[in-house]
């Protein structure tokens, strides 16, 4: 597995399956230990990639690391400098065939190193309550719940408004 810094995602990035399965959601209180989960009808969630990831980027205010195994795109992490001098994880994705192999942690290590080298003291991110695997991963990485934005997805329709 090779992880390299890149200016943009390769055109082949649209091919991997970055979907995730939903069979439960995190419920309030969100800072409970362990997380409180509630079962929901199972489904698979797919979402498109941000077009900005295909645009060349450079400079010190943005980073993108891409993981490849041979010609296959295995995953990526994108981060940027926030307005408050925090690092913001903009996106982290690992393709289904490459999960459970430590790749997400390796990508997060790259983002942590970039934030440290950029003298950004805090890293923040956002995820959905229905992405339980991501919530648990971020807790293992040392993140803490800083808040819950119940309106963030409101305009995306009734299916997503509660995420």
C-alpha atoms as a PDB file:
ATOM      1  CA  UNK A   1       0.000   0.000   0.000  1.00  0.00           C
ATOM      2  CA  UNK A   2       1.333   3.399  -0.975  1.00  0.00           C
ATOM      3  CA  UNK A   3       0.080   6.666   0.551  1.00  0.00           C
ATOM      4  CA  UNK A   4       1.201   9.815  -1.240  1.00  0.00           C
ATOM      5  CA  UNK A   5       0.358  13.486  -1.083  1.00  0.00           C
ATOM      6  CA  UNK A   6      -1.554  14.529  -4.188  1.00  0.00           C
ATOM      7  CA  UNK A   7      -2.875  17.720  -5.745  1.00  0.00           C
ATOM      8  CA  UNK A   8      -6.196  16.089  -6.684  1.00  0.00           C
ATOM      9  CA  UNK A   9      -7.971  12.755  -6.816  1.00  0.00           C
ATOM     10  CA  UNK A  10      -7.280  10.689  -9.916  1.00  0.00           C
ATOM     11  CA  UNK A  11     -10.118  10.322 -12.420  1.00  0.00           C
ATOM     12  CA  UNK A  12     -10.406   6.676 -11.358  1.00  0.00           C
ATOM     13  CA  UNK A  13     -11.667   7.781  -7.930  1.00  0.00           C
ATOM     14  CA  UNK A  14     -15.279   7.554  -9.058  1.00  0.00           C
ATOM     15  CA  UNK A  15     -14.942   3.773  -9.488  1.00  0.00           C
ATOM     16  CA  UNK A  16     -14.268   2.501  -5.936  1.00  0.00           C
ATOM     17  CA  UNK A  17     -17.169   1.700  -3.637  1.00  0.00           C
ATOM     18  CA  UNK A  18     -16.939   4.117  -0.704  1.00  0.00           C
ATOM     19  CA  UNK A  19     -20.461   3.308   0.524  1.00  0.00           C
ATOM     20  CA  UNK A  20     -21.204   2.275   4.097  1.00  0.00           C
ATOM     21  CA  UNK A  21     -23.857   0.099   5.709  1.00  0.00           C
ATOM     22  CA  UNK A  22     -26.339   1.483   8.200  1.00  0.00           C
ATOM     23  CA  UNK A  23     -28.055  -0.741  10.745  1.00  0.00           C
ATOM     24  CA  UNK A  24     -27.974   1.579  13.766  1.00  0.00           C
ATOM     25  CA  UNK A  25     -27.592   5.242  14.667  1.00  0.00           C
ATOM     26  CA  UNK A  26     -25.915   7.076  17.522  1.00  0.00           C
ATOM     27  CA  UNK A  27     -28.494   8.672  19.824  1.00  0.00           C
ATOM     28  CA  UNK A  28     -28.251  11.373  22.497  1.00  0.00           C
ATOM     29  CA  UNK A  29     -26.435  11.948  24.693  1.00  0.00           C
ATOM     30  CA  UNK A  30     -23.732  11.975  22.030  1.00  0.00           C
ATOM     31  CA  UNK A  31     -20.874  12.170  24.510  1.00  0.00           C
ATOM     32  CA  UNK A  32     -21.959   9.011  26.345  1.00  0.00           C
ATOM     33  CA  UNK A  33     -19.355   6.311  26.853  1.00  0.00           C
ATOM     34  CA  UNK A  34     -19.910   3.900  25.284  1.00  0.00           C
ATOM     35  CA  UNK A  35     -21.985   5.482  22.530  1.00  0.00           C
ATOM     36  CA  UNK A  36     -25.691   4.787  22.759  1.00  0.00           C
ATOM     37  CA  UNK A  37     -26.908   3.037  19.610  1.00  0.00           C
ATOM     38  CA  UNK A  38     -30.430   2.472  18.345  1.00  0.00           C
ATOM     39  CA  UNK A  39     -31.181  -0.102  15.634  1.00  0.00           C
ATOM     40  CA  UNK A  40     -32.687   1.122  12.350  1.00  0.00           C
ATOM     41  CA  UNK A  41     -33.787  -0.725   9.208  1.00  0.00           C
ATOM     42  CA  UNK A  42     -30.638  -1.792   7.354  1.00  0.00           C
ATOM     43  CA  UNK A  43     -29.588   0.082   4.226  1.00  0.00           C
ATOM     44  CA  UNK A  44     -26.468   1.029   2.324  1.00  0.00           C
ATOM     45  CA  UNK A  45     -25.534   4.688   1.910  1.00  0.00           C
ATOM     46  CA  UNK A  46     -23.705   5.946  -1.140  1.00  0.00           C
ATOM     47  CA  UNK A  47     -22.734   9.518  -1.687  1.00  0.00           C
ATOM     48  CA  UNK A  48     -20.929  11.324  -4.461  1.00  0.00           C
ATOM     49  CA  UNK A  49     -17.455  12.742  -4.231  1.00  0.00           C
ATOM     50  CA  UNK A  50     -16.931  16.464  -3.830  1.00  0.00           C
ATOM     51  CA  UNK A  51     -15.996  17.955  -7.217  1.00  0.00           C
ATOM     52  CA  UNK A  52     -13.356  20.099  -5.477  1.00  0.00           C
ATOM     53  CA  UNK A  53     -11.320  16.923  -4.862  1.00  0.00           C
ATOM     54  CA  UNK A  54     -10.757  16.693  -8.641  1.00  0.00           C
ATOM     55  CA  UNK A  55      -9.484  20.271  -8.903  1.00  0.00           C
ATOM     56  CA  UNK A  56      -5.745  20.859  -8.583  1.00  0.00           C
ATOM     57  CA  UNK A  57      -4.866  22.314  -5.218  1.00  0.00           C
ATOM     58  CA  UNK A  58      -1.629  23.526  -3.811  1.00  0.00           C
ATOM     59  CA  UNK A  59      -0.254  25.601  -1.002  1.00  0.00           C
ATOM     60  CA  UNK A  60      -0.169  25.059   2.709  1.00  0.00           C
ATOM     61  CA  UNK A  61      -3.868  25.584   3.511  1.00  0.00           C
ATOM     62  CA  UNK A  62      -5.051  22.310   1.991  1.00  0.00           C
ATOM     63  CA  UNK A  63      -3.819  18.747   1.829  1.00  0.00           C
ATOM     64  CA  UNK A  64      -4.887  15.540   0.152  1.00  0.00           C
ATOM     65  CA  UNK A  65      -3.320  12.127   0.689  1.00  0.00           C
ATOM     66  CA  UNK A  66      -4.230   9.262  -1.627  1.00  0.00           C
ATOM     67  CA  UNK A  67      -3.739   5.567  -0.859  1.00  0.00           C
ATOM     68  CA  UNK A  68      -3.176   3.175  -3.721  1.00  0.00           C
ATOM     69  CA  UNK A  69      -2.554  -0.517  -4.008  1.00  0.00           C
ATOM     70  CA  UNK A  70      -1.167  -1.034  -7.468  1.00  0.00           C
ATOM     71  CA  UNK A  71      -3.542   0.795  -9.786  1.00  0.00           C
ATOM     72  CA  UNK A  72      -6.458   0.613  -7.340  1.00  0.00           C
ATOM     73  CA  UNK A  73      -7.505   3.675  -5.361  1.00  0.00           C
ATOM     74  CA  UNK A  74      -7.859   2.350  -1.813  1.00  0.00           C
ATOM     75  CA  UNK A  75      -8.741   5.572  -0.011  1.00  0.00           C
ATOM     76  CA  UNK A  76      -7.982   9.204   0.624  1.00  0.00           C
ATOM     77  CA  UNK A  77      -8.098  11.964   3.225  1.00  0.00           C
ATOM     78  CA  UNK A  78      -8.567  15.669   2.542  1.00  0.00           C
ATOM     79  CA  UNK A  79      -8.089  18.441   5.079  1.00  0.00           C
ATOM     80  CA  UNK A  80      -7.852  22.201   5.131  1.00  0.00           C
ATOM     81  CA  UNK A  81      -6.945  25.068   7.412  1.00  0.00           C
ATOM     82  CA  UNK A  82     -10.109  26.397   9.014  1.00  0.00           C
ATOM     83  CA  UNK A  83     -10.894  30.061   9.557  1.00  0.00           C
ATOM     84  CA  UNK A  84     -10.000  29.613  13.250  1.00  0.00           C
ATOM     85  CA  UNK A  85      -6.608  27.976  12.591  1.00  0.00           C
ATOM     86  CA  UNK A  86      -7.965  24.502  13.279  1.00  0.00           C
ATOM     87  CA  UNK A  87      -7.360  21.720  10.814  1.00  0.00           C
ATOM     88  CA  UNK A  88     -10.628  20.496   9.327  1.00  0.00           C
ATOM     89  CA  UNK A  89     -10.908  16.961   7.992  1.00  0.00           C
ATOM     90  CA  UNK A  90     -12.996  17.606   4.897  1.00  0.00           C
ATOM     91  CA  UNK A  91     -13.318  14.001   3.782  1.00  0.00           C
ATOM     92  CA  UNK A  92     -11.973  10.565   4.642  1.00  0.00           C
ATOM     93  CA  UNK A  93     -12.928   7.507   2.624  1.00  0.00           C
ATOM     94  CA  UNK A  94     -11.671   3.940   2.364  1.00  0.00           C
ATOM     95  CA  UNK A  95     -12.948   1.682  -0.424  1.00  0.00           C
ATOM     96  CA  UNK A  96     -14.843  -1.375   0.806  1.00  0.00           C
ATOM     97  CA  UNK A  97     -12.221  -3.986  -0.243  1.00  0.00           C
ATOM     98  CA  UNK A  98      -9.517  -2.168   1.758  1.00  0.00           C
ATOM     99  CA  UNK A  99     -11.335  -1.749   5.074  1.00  0.00           C
ATOM    100  CA  UNK A 100     -10.278  -3.350   8.374  1.00  0.00           C
ATOM    101  CA  UNK A 101      -6.600  -3.179   7.359  1.00  0.00           C
ATOM    102  CA  UNK A 102      -5.549  -0.030   9.242  1.00  0.00           C
ATOM    103  CA  UNK A 103      -5.768   2.257   6.227  1.00  0.00           C
ATOM    104  CA  UNK A 104      -8.095   4.828   7.826  1.00  0.00           C
ATOM    105  CA  UNK A 105      -5.698   5.132  10.774  1.00  0.00           C
ATOM    106  CA  UNK A 106      -2.724   5.517   8.427  1.00  0.00           C
ATOM    107  CA  UNK A 107      -4.542   8.252   6.512  1.00  0.00           C
ATOM    108  CA  UNK A 108      -5.518   9.985   9.756  1.00  0.00           C
ATOM    109  CA  UNK A 109      -1.854   9.856  10.807  1.00  0.00           C
ATOM    110  CA  UNK A 110      -0.975  11.722   7.589  1.00  0.00           C
ATOM    111  CA  UNK A 111      -3.569  14.402   8.377  1.00  0.00           C
ATOM    112  CA  UNK A 112      -2.353  14.669  11.965  1.00  0.00           C
ATOM    113  CA  UNK A 113       1.214  15.118  10.763  1.00  0.00           C
ATOM    114  CA  UNK A 114       0.139  17.797   8.291  1.00  0.00           C
ATOM    115  CA  UNK A 115      -1.773  19.646  11.029  1.00  0.00           C
ATOM    116  CA  UNK A 116       1.211  19.465  13.380  1.00  0.00           C
ATOM    117  CA  UNK A 117       3.626  20.646  10.663  1.00  0.00           C
ATOM    118  CA  UNK A 118       1.201  23.483   9.857  1.00  0.00           C
ATOM    119  CA  UNK A 119       1.117  24.468  13.546  1.00  0.00           C
ATOM    120  CA  UNK A 120      -2.620  23.806  13.804  1.00  0.00           C
ATOM    121  CA  UNK A 121      -3.352  22.801  17.388  1.00  0.00           C
ATOM    122  CA  UNK A 122      -6.772  21.237  16.883  1.00  0.00           C
ATOM    123  CA  UNK A 123      -8.322  18.940  14.307  1.00  0.00           C
ATOM    124  CA  UNK A 124     -12.074  18.989  13.823  1.00  0.00           C
ATOM    125  CA  UNK A 125     -14.403  16.985  11.635  1.00  0.00           C
ATOM    126  CA  UNK A 126     -18.050  16.212  11.059  1.00  0.00           C
ATOM    127  CA  UNK A 127     -19.773  12.899  10.556  1.00  0.00           C
ATOM    128  CA  UNK A 128     -23.324  11.614  10.575  1.00  0.00           C
ATOM    129  CA  UNK A 129     -25.016   9.792  13.416  1.00  0.00           C
ATOM    130  CA  UNK A 130     -25.839   6.956  11.010  1.00  0.00           C
ATOM    131  CA  UNK A 131     -22.168   6.340  10.207  1.00  0.00           C
ATOM    132  CA  UNK A 132     -21.539   4.424  13.411  1.00  0.00           C
ATOM    133  CA  UNK A 133     -18.299   2.856  12.175  1.00  0.00           C
ATOM    134  CA  UNK A 134     -16.877   6.344  11.533  1.00  0.00           C
ATOM    135  CA  UNK A 135     -18.075   7.617  14.927  1.00  0.00           C
ATOM    136  CA  UNK A 136     -16.351   4.719  16.696  1.00  0.00           C
ATOM    137  CA  UNK A 137     -13.187   5.170  14.611  1.00  0.00           C
ATOM    138  CA  UNK A 138     -12.948   8.873  15.457  1.00  0.00           C
ATOM    139  CA  UNK A 139     -13.381   8.124  19.158  1.00  0.00           C
ATOM    140  CA  UNK A 140     -10.532   5.577  18.945  1.00  0.00           C
ATOM    141  CA  UNK A 141      -8.412   8.311  17.310  1.00  0.00           C
ATOM    142  CA  UNK A 142      -8.973  10.534  20.358  1.00  0.00           C
ATOM    143  CA  UNK A 143     -11.646  12.854  18.996  1.00  0.00           C
ATOM    144  CA  UNK A 144     -14.366  14.032  21.362  1.00  0.00           C
ATOM    145  CA  UNK A 145     -17.884  15.151  20.560  1.00  0.00           C
ATOM    146  CA  UNK A 146     -17.872  18.928  20.498  1.00  0.00           C
ATOM    147  CA  UNK A 147     -21.470  19.389  19.501  1.00  0.00           C
ATOM    148  CA  UNK A 148     -24.411  18.102  17.543  1.00  0.00           C
ATOM    149  CA  UNK A 149     -25.786  20.133  14.645  1.00  0.00           C
ATOM    150  CA  UNK A 150     -29.360  18.942  14.232  1.00  0.00           C
ATOM    151  CA  UNK A 151     -29.951  21.331  11.296  1.00  0.00           C
ATOM    152  CA  UNK A 152     -26.899  20.629   9.124  1.00  0.00           C
ATOM    153  CA  UNK A 153     -28.670  18.203   6.779  1.00  0.00           C
ATOM    154  CA  UNK A 154     -32.162  19.737   6.998  1.00  0.00           C
ATOM    155  CA  UNK A 155     -32.231  20.990   3.400  1.00  0.00           C
ATOM    156  CA  UNK A 156     -31.145  17.649   1.924  1.00  0.00           C
ATOM    157  CA  UNK A 157     -34.610  16.129   2.179  1.00  0.00           C
ATOM    158  CA  UNK A 158     -36.524  14.104   4.759  1.00  0.00           C
ATOM    159  CA  UNK A 159     -34.401  10.958   4.386  1.00  0.00           C
ATOM    160  CA  UNK A 160     -31.225  12.832   5.401  1.00  0.00           C
ATOM    161  CA  UNK A 161     -32.583  15.642   7.573  1.00  0.00           C
ATOM    162  CA  UNK A 162     -32.017  13.766  10.856  1.00  0.00           C
ATOM    163  CA  UNK A 163     -28.379  12.829  10.208  1.00  0.00           C
END
